Amino acid sequence: MMEHPIYRVRAFEIVAPYTLRVVFDDDTCQTINFFPALAGELYGPLRDLTLFNQVCLDPEVQTLVWPNGADFDPATLHDWPQLAQVLTERAEQWAT
């Protein structure tokens, strides 16, 4: 069985429209533009910037959550640069 690290989001800030700077418990951070991945039933509504900007840090699961129930696994956020292309392609499939 392969072990994979468990990451927790420690803090975030909105740095541009649809873009968050996310700080993790291993002292790394990612600046993520979520817009290309916002499609489908759960993530599509986040294209409304007013809703997107209501993001908060869930203290229990230690990841980013939105009022409509959308969230991302902290490991996905942590490894976003490696996963961005796949997430964007998936969003494009949901959009059609």
PDB file of N, CA and C in Angstrom:
ATOM      1  N   MET A   1       0.848  -1.189   0.000  1.00  0.00           N
ATOM      2  CA  MET A   1       0.000   0.000   0.000  1.00  0.00           C
ATOM      3  C   MET A   1       0.890   1.248   0.000  1.00  0.00           C
ATOM      4  N   MET A   2       0.560   2.176  -0.886  1.00  0.00           N
ATOM      5  CA  MET A   2       1.370   3.383  -0.984  1.00  0.00           C
ATOM      6  C   MET A   2       0.862   4.449  -0.016  1.00  0.00           C
ATOM      7  N   GLU A   3       1.754   4.976   0.768  1.00  0.00           N
ATOM      8  CA  GLU A   3       1.395   6.063   1.684  1.00  0.00           C
ATOM      9  C   GLU A   3       1.422   7.376   0.915  1.00  0.00           C
ATOM     10  N   HIS A   4       0.445   8.207   1.153  1.00  0.00           N
ATOM     11  CA  HIS A   4       0.541   9.551   0.597  1.00  0.00           C
ATOM     12  C   HIS A   4       0.379  10.550   1.737  1.00  0.00           C
ATOM     13  N   PRO A   5       1.113  11.642   1.632  1.00  0.00           N
ATOM     14  CA  PRO A   5       1.096  12.622   2.721  1.00  0.00           C
ATOM     15  C   PRO A   5      -0.293  13.232   2.911  1.00  0.00           C
ATOM     16  N   ILE A   6      -0.620  13.525   4.123  1.00  0.00           N
ATOM     17  CA  ILE A   6      -1.859  14.229   4.445  1.00  0.00           C
ATOM     18  C   ILE A   6      -1.490  15.702   4.652  1.00  0.00           C
ATOM     19  N   TYR A   7      -2.116  16.554   3.875  1.00  0.00           N
ATOM     20  CA  TYR A   7      -1.862  17.993   4.005  1.00  0.00           C
ATOM     21  C   TYR A   7      -3.078  18.661   4.617  1.00  0.00           C
ATOM     22  N   ARG A   8      -2.816  19.748   5.299  1.00  0.00           N
ATOM     23  CA  ARG A   8      -3.899  20.556   5.848  1.00  0.00           C
ATOM     24  C   ARG A   8      -3.671  22.005   5.434  1.00  0.00           C
ATOM     25  N   VAL A   9      -4.769  22.673   5.113  1.00  0.00           N
ATOM     26  CA  VAL A   9      -4.687  24.091   4.776  1.00  0.00           C
ATOM     27  C   VAL A   9      -4.634  24.865   6.086  1.00  0.00           C
ATOM     28  N   ARG A  10      -3.609  25.691   6.221  1.00  0.00           N
ATOM     29  CA  ARG A  10      -3.448  26.481   7.442  1.00  0.00           C
ATOM     30  C   ARG A  10      -4.017  27.887   7.293  1.00  0.00           C
ATOM     31  N   ALA A  11      -3.931  28.435   6.073  1.00  0.00           N
ATOM     32  CA  ALA A  11      -4.414  29.799   5.844  1.00  0.00           C
ATOM     33  C   ALA A  11      -4.595  30.006   4.343  1.00  0.00           C
ATOM     34  N   PHE A  12      -5.300  31.066   3.992  1.00  0.00           N
ATOM     35  CA  PHE A  12      -5.430  31.430   2.579  1.00  0.00           C
ATOM     36  C   PHE A  12      -5.713  32.920   2.490  1.00  0.00           C
ATOM     37  N   GLU A  13      -5.468  33.461   1.318  1.00  0.00           N
ATOM     38  CA  GLU A  13      -5.904  34.832   1.050  1.00  0.00           C
ATOM     39  C   GLU A  13      -6.307  34.941  -0.403  1.00  0.00           C
ATOM     40  N   ILE A  14      -7.287  35.799  -0.670  1.00  0.00           N
ATOM     41  CA  ILE A  14      -7.717  36.072  -2.035  1.00  0.00           C
ATOM     42  C   ILE A  14      -6.720  37.064  -2.615  1.00  0.00           C
ATOM     43  N   VAL A  15      -6.063  36.690  -3.718  1.00  0.00           N
ATOM     44  CA  VAL A  15      -5.040  37.565  -4.297  1.00  0.00           C
ATOM     45  C   VAL A  15      -5.452  38.159  -5.636  1.00  0.00           C
ATOM     46  N   ALA A  16      -6.490  37.603  -6.270  1.00  0.00           N
ATOM     47  CA  ALA A  16      -7.009  38.097  -7.545  1.00  0.00           C
ATOM     48  C   ALA A  16      -8.354  37.402  -7.759  1.00  0.00           C
ATOM     49  N   PRO A  17      -9.148  37.834  -8.754  1.00  0.00           N
ATOM     50  CA  PRO A  17     -10.404  37.125  -9.002  1.00  0.00           C
ATOM     51  C   PRO A  17     -10.158  35.629  -9.238  1.00  0.00           C
ATOM     52  N   TYR A  18     -10.883  34.816  -8.505  1.00  0.00           N
ATOM     53  CA  TYR A  18     -10.809  33.341  -8.596  1.00  0.00           C
ATOM     54  C   TYR A  18      -9.438  32.783  -8.223  1.00  0.00           C
ATOM     55  N   THR A  19      -8.602  33.585  -7.614  1.00  0.00           N
ATOM     56  CA  THR A  19      -7.231  33.164  -7.319  1.00  0.00           C
ATOM     57  C   THR A  19      -6.953  33.294  -5.826  1.00  0.00           C
ATOM     58  N   LEU A  20      -6.506  32.184  -5.237  1.00  0.00           N
ATOM     59  CA  LEU A  20      -6.202  32.151  -3.815  1.00  0.00           C
ATOM     60  C   LEU A  20      -4.754  31.753  -3.604  1.00  0.00           C
ATOM     61  N   ARG A  21      -4.146  32.346  -2.605  1.00  0.00           N
ATOM     62  CA  ARG A  21      -2.829  31.903  -2.140  1.00  0.00           C
ATOM     63  C   ARG A  21      -3.114  31.032  -0.922  1.00  0.00           C
ATOM     64  N   VAL A  22      -2.747  29.761  -1.012  1.00  0.00           N
ATOM     65  CA  VAL A  22      -3.089  28.772   0.007  1.00  0.00           C
ATOM     66  C   VAL A  22      -1.815  28.325   0.713  1.00  0.00           C
ATOM     67  N   VAL A  23      -1.819  28.387   2.053  1.00  0.00           N
ATOM     68  CA  VAL A  23      -0.667  27.997   2.861  1.00  0.00           C
ATOM     69  C   VAL A  23      -0.983  26.669   3.553  1.00  0.00           C
ATOM     70  N   PHE A  24      -0.023  25.743   3.481  1.00  0.00           N
ATOM     71  CA  PHE A  24      -0.219  24.404   4.029  1.00  0.00           C
ATOM     72  C   PHE A  24       0.589  24.193   5.297  1.00  0.00           C
ATOM     73  N   ASP A  25       0.259  23.129   6.004  1.00  0.00           N
ATOM     74  CA  ASP A  25       0.917  22.848   7.286  1.00  0.00           C
ATOM     75  C   ASP A  25       2.358  22.376   7.131  1.00  0.00           C
ATOM     76  N   ASP A  26       2.806  22.125   5.897  1.00  0.00           N
ATOM     77  CA  ASP A  26       4.224  21.780   5.693  1.00  0.00           C
ATOM     78  C   ASP A  26       5.017  23.020   5.271  1.00  0.00           C
ATOM     79  N   ASP A  27       4.421  24.209   5.508  1.00  0.00           N
ATOM     80  CA  ASP A  27       5.044  25.512   5.208  1.00  0.00           C
ATOM     81  C   ASP A  27       5.252  25.773   3.724  1.00  0.00           C
ATOM     82  N   THR A  28       4.525  25.047   2.863  1.00  0.00           N
ATOM     83  CA  THR A  28       4.546  25.371   1.442  1.00  0.00           C
ATOM     84  C   THR A  28       3.301  26.192   1.134  1.00  0.00           C
ATOM     85  N   CYS A  29       3.290  26.826  -0.014  1.00  0.00           N
ATOM     86  CA  CYS A  29       2.086  27.533  -0.433  1.00  0.00           C
ATOM     87  C   CYS A  29       1.923  27.414  -1.942  1.00  0.00           C
ATOM     88  N   GLN A  30       0.697  27.550  -2.385  1.00  0.00           N
ATOM     89  CA  GLN A  30       0.357  27.532  -3.803  1.00  0.00           C
ATOM     90  C   GLN A  30      -0.508  28.751  -4.075  1.00  0.00           C
ATOM     91  N   THR A  31      -0.272  29.390  -5.210  1.00  0.00           N
ATOM     92  CA  THR A  31      -1.195  30.410  -5.699  1.00  0.00           C
ATOM     93  C   THR A  31      -1.972  29.752  -6.825  1.00  0.00           C
ATOM     94  N   ILE A  32      -3.285  29.614  -6.624  1.00  0.00           N
ATOM     95  CA  ILE A  32      -4.126  28.821  -7.518  1.00  0.00           C
ATOM     96  C   ILE A  32      -5.190  29.696  -8.162  1.00  0.00           C
ATOM     97  N   ASN A  33      -5.229  29.665  -9.501  1.00  0.00           N
ATOM     98  CA  ASN A  33      -6.339  30.255 -10.240  1.00  0.00           C
ATOM     99  C   ASN A  33      -7.344  29.134 -10.472  1.00  0.00           C
ATOM    100  N   PHE A  34      -8.456  29.171  -9.750  1.00  0.00           N
ATOM    101  CA  PHE A  34      -9.447  28.105  -9.812  1.00  0.00           C
ATOM    102  C   PHE A  34     -10.335  28.182 -11.050  1.00  0.00           C
ATOM    103  N   PHE A  35     -10.399  29.336 -11.724  1.00  0.00           N
ATOM    104  CA  PHE A  35     -11.410  29.556 -12.763  1.00  0.00           C
ATOM    105  C   PHE A  35     -11.487  28.434 -13.797  1.00  0.00           C
ATOM    106  N   PRO A  36     -10.349  27.946 -14.351  1.00  0.00           N
ATOM    107  CA  PRO A  36     -10.460  26.894 -15.372  1.00  0.00           C
ATOM    108  C   PRO A  36     -11.111  25.603 -14.869  1.00  0.00           C
ATOM    109  N   ALA A  37     -11.110  25.370 -13.565  1.00  0.00           N
ATOM    110  CA  ALA A  37     -11.671  24.133 -13.009  1.00  0.00           C
ATOM    111  C   ALA A  37     -13.113  24.305 -12.532  1.00  0.00           C
ATOM    112  N   LEU A  38     -13.681  25.507 -12.689  1.00  0.00           N
ATOM    113  CA  LEU A  38     -15.022  25.765 -12.158  1.00  0.00           C
ATOM    114  C   LEU A  38     -16.084  25.446 -13.200  1.00  0.00           C
ATOM    115  N   ALA A  39     -16.563  24.213 -13.158  1.00  0.00           N
ATOM    116  CA  ALA A  39     -17.635  23.770 -14.053  1.00  0.00           C
ATOM    117  C   ALA A  39     -18.402  22.662 -13.357  1.00  0.00           C
ATOM    118  N   GLY A  40     -19.541  22.324 -13.915  1.00  0.00           N
ATOM    119  CA  GLY A  40     -20.343  21.242 -13.358  1.00  0.00           C
ATOM    120  C   GLY A  40     -21.274  21.730 -12.271  1.00  0.00           C
ATOM    121  N   GLU A  41     -22.023  20.792 -11.729  1.00  0.00           N
ATOM    122  CA  GLU A  41     -23.070  21.104 -10.765  1.00  0.00           C
ATOM    123  C   GLU A  41     -22.532  21.711  -9.472  1.00  0.00           C
ATOM    124  N   LEU A  42     -21.395  21.187  -8.989  1.00  0.00           N
ATOM    125  CA  LEU A  42     -20.856  21.636  -7.704  1.00  0.00           C
ATOM    126  C   LEU A  42     -19.963  22.866  -7.839  1.00  0.00           C
ATOM    127  N   TYR A  43     -19.064  22.854  -8.821  1.00  0.00           N
ATOM    128  CA  TYR A  43     -18.069  23.934  -8.951  1.00  0.00           C
ATOM    129  C   TYR A  43     -18.513  25.058  -9.886  1.00  0.00           C
ATOM    130  N   GLY A  44     -19.415  24.769 -10.807  1.00  0.00           N
ATOM    131  CA  GLY A  44     -19.897  25.786 -11.751  1.00  0.00           C
ATOM    132  C   GLY A  44     -20.430  27.046 -11.087  1.00  0.00           C
ATOM    133  N   PRO A  45     -21.248  26.901 -10.013  1.00  0.00           N
ATOM    134  CA  PRO A  45     -21.774  28.107  -9.357  1.00  0.00           C
ATOM    135  C   PRO A  45     -20.685  29.034  -8.814  1.00  0.00           C
ATOM    136  N   LEU A  46     -19.471  28.496  -8.600  1.00  0.00           N
ATOM    137  CA  LEU A  46     -18.386  29.323  -8.062  1.00  0.00           C
ATOM    138  C   LEU A  46     -17.855  30.307  -9.101  1.00  0.00           C
ATOM    139  N   ARG A  47     -18.329  30.205 -10.348  1.00  0.00           N
ATOM    140  CA  ARG A  47     -17.967  31.223 -11.345  1.00  0.00           C
ATOM    141  C   ARG A  47     -18.611  32.568 -11.004  1.00  0.00           C
ATOM    142  N   ASP A  48     -19.608  32.538 -10.114  1.00  0.00           N
ATOM    143  CA  ASP A  48     -20.157  33.773  -9.548  1.00  0.00           C
ATOM    144  C   ASP A  48     -19.136  34.243  -8.508  1.00  0.00           C
ATOM    145  N   LEU A  49     -18.452  35.328  -8.824  1.00  0.00           N
ATOM    146  CA  LEU A  49     -17.351  35.786  -7.981  1.00  0.00           C
ATOM    147  C   LEU A  49     -17.801  36.089  -6.554  1.00  0.00           C
ATOM    148  N   THR A  50     -19.040  36.560  -6.399  1.00  0.00           N
ATOM    149  CA  THR A  50     -19.561  36.842  -5.060  1.00  0.00           C
ATOM    150  C   THR A  50     -19.586  35.561  -4.229  1.00  0.00           C
ATOM    151  N   LEU A  51     -20.030  34.455  -4.838  1.00  0.00           N
ATOM    152  CA  LEU A  51     -20.042  33.169  -4.139  1.00  0.00           C
ATOM    153  C   LEU A  51     -18.612  32.663  -3.937  1.00  0.00           C
ATOM    154  N   PHE A  52     -17.783  32.762  -4.972  1.00  0.00           N
ATOM    155  CA  PHE A  52     -16.401  32.286  -4.857  1.00  0.00           C
ATOM    156  C   PHE A  52     -15.699  32.953  -3.675  1.00  0.00           C
ATOM    157  N   ASN A  53     -15.909  34.258  -3.531  1.00  0.00           N
ATOM    158  CA  ASN A  53     -15.223  35.016  -2.482  1.00  0.00           C
ATOM    159  C   ASN A  53     -15.745  34.723  -1.076  1.00  0.00           C
ATOM    160  N   GLN A  54     -16.777  33.874  -0.956  1.00  0.00           N
ATOM    161  CA  GLN A  54     -17.272  33.462   0.362  1.00  0.00           C
ATOM    162  C   GLN A  54     -16.528  32.226   0.872  1.00  0.00           C
ATOM    163  N   VAL A  55     -15.438  31.875   0.196  1.00  0.00           N
ATOM    164  CA  VAL A  55     -14.606  30.740   0.621  1.00  0.00           C
ATOM    165  C   VAL A  55     -14.182  30.920   2.066  1.00  0.00           C
ATOM    166  N   CYS A  56     -14.121  29.811   2.789  1.00  0.00           N
ATOM    167  CA  CYS A  56     -13.612  29.875   4.158  1.00  0.00           C
ATOM    168  C   CYS A  56     -12.831  28.602   4.456  1.00  0.00           C
ATOM    169  N   LEU A  57     -12.142  28.635   5.564  1.00  0.00           N
ATOM    170  CA  LEU A  57     -11.338  27.502   5.999  1.00  0.00           C
ATOM    171  C   LEU A  57     -12.171  26.681   6.981  1.00  0.00           C
ATOM    172  N   ASP A  58     -12.442  25.433   6.625  1.00  0.00           N
ATOM    173  CA  ASP A  58     -13.179  24.552   7.527  1.00  0.00           C
ATOM    174  C   ASP A  58     -12.212  24.047   8.589  1.00  0.00           C
ATOM    175  N   PRO A  59     -12.432  24.407   9.866  1.00  0.00           N
ATOM    176  CA  PRO A  59     -11.473  24.035  10.914  1.00  0.00           C
ATOM    177  C   PRO A  59     -11.439  22.536  11.183  1.00  0.00           C
ATOM    178  N   GLU A  60     -12.523  21.837  10.861  1.00  0.00           N
ATOM    179  CA  GLU A  60     -12.585  20.405  11.141  1.00  0.00           C
ATOM    180  C   GLU A  60     -11.778  19.594  10.126  1.00  0.00           C
ATOM    181  N   VAL A  61     -12.025  19.836   8.840  1.00  0.00           N
ATOM    182  CA  VAL A  61     -11.322  19.061   7.799  1.00  0.00           C
ATOM    183  C   VAL A  61     -10.098  19.793   7.257  1.00  0.00           C
ATOM    184  N   GLN A  62      -9.925  21.039   7.678  1.00  0.00           N
ATOM    185  CA  GLN A  62      -8.761  21.849   7.327  1.00  0.00           C
ATOM    186  C   GLN A  62      -8.531  21.939   5.829  1.00  0.00           C
ATOM    187  N   THR A  63      -9.596  22.344   5.137  1.00  0.00           N
ATOM    188  CA  THR A  63      -9.493  22.642   3.717  1.00  0.00           C
ATOM    189  C   THR A  63     -10.421  23.806   3.399  1.00  0.00           C
ATOM    190  N   LEU A  64     -10.380  24.258   2.146  1.00  0.00           N
ATOM    191  CA  LEU A  64     -11.226  25.356   1.701  1.00  0.00           C
ATOM    192  C   LEU A  64     -12.617  24.828   1.390  1.00  0.00           C
ATOM    193  N   VAL A  65     -13.626  25.548   1.847  1.00  0.00           N
ATOM    194  CA  VAL A  65     -15.015  25.183   1.577  1.00  0.00           C
ATOM    195  C   VAL A  65     -15.803  26.429   1.174  1.00  0.00           C
ATOM    196  N   TRP A  66     -16.882  26.182   0.428  1.00  0.00           N
ATOM    197  CA  TRP A  66     -17.765  27.254  -0.010  1.00  0.00           C
ATOM    198  C   TRP A  66     -19.167  26.978   0.499  1.00  0.00           C
ATOM    199  N   PRO A  67     -19.997  28.039   0.600  1.00  0.00           N
ATOM    200  CA  PRO A  67     -21.351  27.880   1.150  1.00  0.00           C
ATOM    201  C   PRO A  67     -22.220  26.870   0.396  1.00  0.00           C
ATOM    202  N   ASN A  68     -21.941  26.623  -0.886  1.00  0.00           N
ATOM    203  CA  ASN A  68     -22.765  25.677  -1.650  1.00  0.00           C
ATOM    204  C   ASN A  68     -22.317  24.228  -1.463  1.00  0.00           C
ATOM    205  N   GLY A  69     -21.328  23.992  -0.571  1.00  0.00           N
ATOM    206  CA  GLY A  69     -20.871  22.632  -0.317  1.00  0.00           C
ATOM    207  C   GLY A  69     -19.647  22.225  -1.115  1.00  0.00           C
ATOM    208  N   ALA A  70     -19.203  23.065  -2.027  1.00  0.00           N
ATOM    209  CA  ALA A  70     -18.010  22.751  -2.806  1.00  0.00           C
ATOM    210  C   ALA A  70     -16.775  22.794  -1.918  1.00  0.00           C
ATOM    211  N   ASP A  71     -15.839  21.904  -2.184  1.00  0.00           N
ATOM    212  CA  ASP A  71     -14.558  21.924  -1.500  1.00  0.00           C
ATOM    213  C   ASP A  71     -13.548  21.171  -2.354  1.00  0.00           C
ATOM    214  N   PHE A  72     -12.296  21.274  -1.997  1.00  0.00           N
ATOM    215  CA  PHE A  72     -11.230  20.540  -2.670  1.00  0.00           C
ATOM    216  C   PHE A  72     -10.420  19.810  -1.615  1.00  0.00           C
ATOM    217  N   ASP A  73     -10.009  18.598  -1.933  1.00  0.00           N
ATOM    218  CA  ASP A  73      -9.139  17.833  -1.052  1.00  0.00           C
ATOM    219  C   ASP A  73      -7.849  18.630  -0.856  1.00  0.00           C
ATOM    220  N   PRO A  74      -7.354  18.757   0.389  1.00  0.00           N
ATOM    221  CA  PRO A  74      -6.119  19.516   0.611  1.00  0.00           C
ATOM    222  C   PRO A  74      -4.940  18.988  -0.210  1.00  0.00           C
ATOM    223  N   ALA A  75      -4.884  17.678  -0.450  1.00  0.00           N
ATOM    224  CA  ALA A  75      -3.791  17.119  -1.262  1.00  0.00           C
ATOM    225  C   ALA A  75      -3.888  17.609  -2.706  1.00  0.00           C
ATOM    226  N   THR A  76      -5.110  17.756  -3.207  1.00  0.00           N
ATOM    227  CA  THR A  76      -5.317  18.291  -4.557  1.00  0.00           C
ATOM    228  C   THR A  76      -4.820  19.726  -4.618  1.00  0.00           C
ATOM    229  N   LEU A  77      -5.168  20.523  -3.609  1.00  0.00           N
ATOM    230  CA  LEU A  77      -4.714  21.917  -3.570  1.00  0.00           C
ATOM    231  C   LEU A  77      -3.191  21.980  -3.492  1.00  0.00           C
ATOM    232  N   HIS A  78      -2.618  21.135  -2.652  1.00  0.00           N
ATOM    233  CA  HIS A  78      -1.165  21.115  -2.444  1.00  0.00           C
ATOM    234  C   HIS A  78      -0.431  20.790  -3.744  1.00  0.00           C
ATOM    235  N   ASP A  79      -0.978  19.850  -4.518  1.00  0.00           N
ATOM    236  CA  ASP A  79      -0.322  19.388  -5.749  1.00  0.00           C
ATOM    237  C   ASP A  79      -0.941  19.986  -7.003  1.00  0.00           C
ATOM    238  N   TRP A  80      -1.629  21.127  -6.857  1.00  0.00           N
ATOM    239  CA  TRP A  80      -2.364  21.743  -7.957  1.00  0.00           C
ATOM    240  C   TRP A  80      -1.535  21.886  -9.235  1.00  0.00           C
ATOM    241  N   PRO A  81      -0.287  22.348  -9.180  1.00  0.00           N
ATOM    242  CA  PRO A  81       0.460  22.510 -10.442  1.00  0.00           C
ATOM    243  C   PRO A  81       0.543  21.221 -11.265  1.00  0.00           C
ATOM    244  N   GLN A  82       0.657  20.084 -10.590  1.00  0.00           N
ATOM    245  CA  GLN A  82       0.733  18.804 -11.301  1.00  0.00           C
ATOM    246  C   GLN A  82      -0.646  18.339 -11.773  1.00  0.00           C
ATOM    247  N   LEU A  83      -1.708  18.825 -11.134  1.00  0.00           N
ATOM    248  CA  LEU A  83      -3.061  18.344 -11.415  1.00  0.00           C
ATOM    249  C   LEU A  83      -3.905  19.315 -12.229  1.00  0.00           C
ATOM    250  N   ALA A  84      -3.434  20.535 -12.422  1.00  0.00           N
ATOM    251  CA  ALA A  84      -4.247  21.587 -13.046  1.00  0.00           C
ATOM    252  C   ALA A  84      -4.779  21.177 -14.416  1.00  0.00           C
ATOM    253  N   GLN A  85      -3.943  20.564 -15.231  1.00  0.00           N
ATOM    254  CA  GLN A  85      -4.362  20.183 -16.581  1.00  0.00           C
ATOM    255  C   GLN A  85      -5.508  19.168 -16.528  1.00  0.00           C
ATOM    256  N   VAL A  86      -5.376  18.159 -15.687  1.00  0.00           N
ATOM    257  CA  VAL A  86      -6.414  17.131 -15.550  1.00  0.00           C
ATOM    258  C   VAL A  86      -7.709  17.750 -15.030  1.00  0.00           C
ATOM    259  N   LEU A  87      -7.599  18.633 -14.029  1.00  0.00           N
ATOM    260  CA  LEU A  87      -8.788  19.274 -13.461  1.00  0.00           C
ATOM    261  C   LEU A  87      -9.488  20.152 -14.495  1.00  0.00           C
ATOM    262  N   THR A  88      -8.705  20.855 -15.305  1.00  0.00           N
ATOM    263  CA  THR A  88      -9.280  21.704 -16.349  1.00  0.00           C
ATOM    264  C   THR A  88      -9.996  20.856 -17.403  1.00  0.00           C
ATOM    265  N   GLU A  89      -9.361  19.746 -17.805  1.00  0.00           N
ATOM    266  CA  GLU A  89      -9.988  18.859 -18.786  1.00  0.00           C
ATOM    267  C   GLU A  89     -11.295  18.282 -18.244  1.00  0.00           C
ATOM    268  N   ARG A  90     -11.294  17.898 -16.983  1.00  0.00           N
ATOM    269  CA  ARG A  90     -12.502  17.355 -16.356  1.00  0.00           C
ATOM    270  C   ARG A  90     -13.596  18.419 -16.342  1.00  0.00           C
ATOM    271  N   ALA A  91     -13.237  19.655 -16.011  1.00  0.00           N
ATOM    272  CA  ALA A  91     -14.212  20.743 -15.987  1.00  0.00           C
ATOM    273  C   ALA A  91     -14.801  20.976 -17.373  1.00  0.00           C
ATOM    274  N   GLU A  92     -13.952  20.890 -18.411  1.00  0.00           N
ATOM    275  CA  GLU A  92     -14.441  21.078 -19.773  1.00  0.00           C
ATOM    276  C   GLU A  92     -15.427  19.978 -20.152  1.00  0.00           C
ATOM    277  N   GLN A  93     -15.194  18.753 -19.683  1.00  0.00           N
ATOM    278  CA  GLN A  93     -16.127  17.656 -19.947  1.00  0.00           C
ATOM    279  C   GLN A  93     -17.465  17.904 -19.230  1.00  0.00           C
ATOM    280  N   TRP A  94     -17.397  18.394 -17.978  1.00  0.00           N
ATOM    281  CA  TRP A  94     -18.625  18.679 -17.253  1.00  0.00           C
ATOM    282  C   TRP A  94     -19.431  19.790 -17.907  1.00  0.00           C
ATOM    283  N   ALA A  95     -18.723  20.727 -18.535  1.00  0.00           N
ATOM    284  CA  ALA A  95     -19.375  21.898 -19.109  1.00  0.00           C
ATOM    285  C   ALA A  95     -20.171  21.530 -20.376  1.00  0.00           C
ATOM    286  N   THR A  96     -19.803  20.416 -21.017  1.00  0.00           N
ATOM    287  CA  THR A  96     -20.488  20.054 -22.280  1.00  0.00           C
ATOM    288  C   THR A  96     -21.692  19.191 -22.052  1.00  0.00           C
TER     289      THR A  96
END
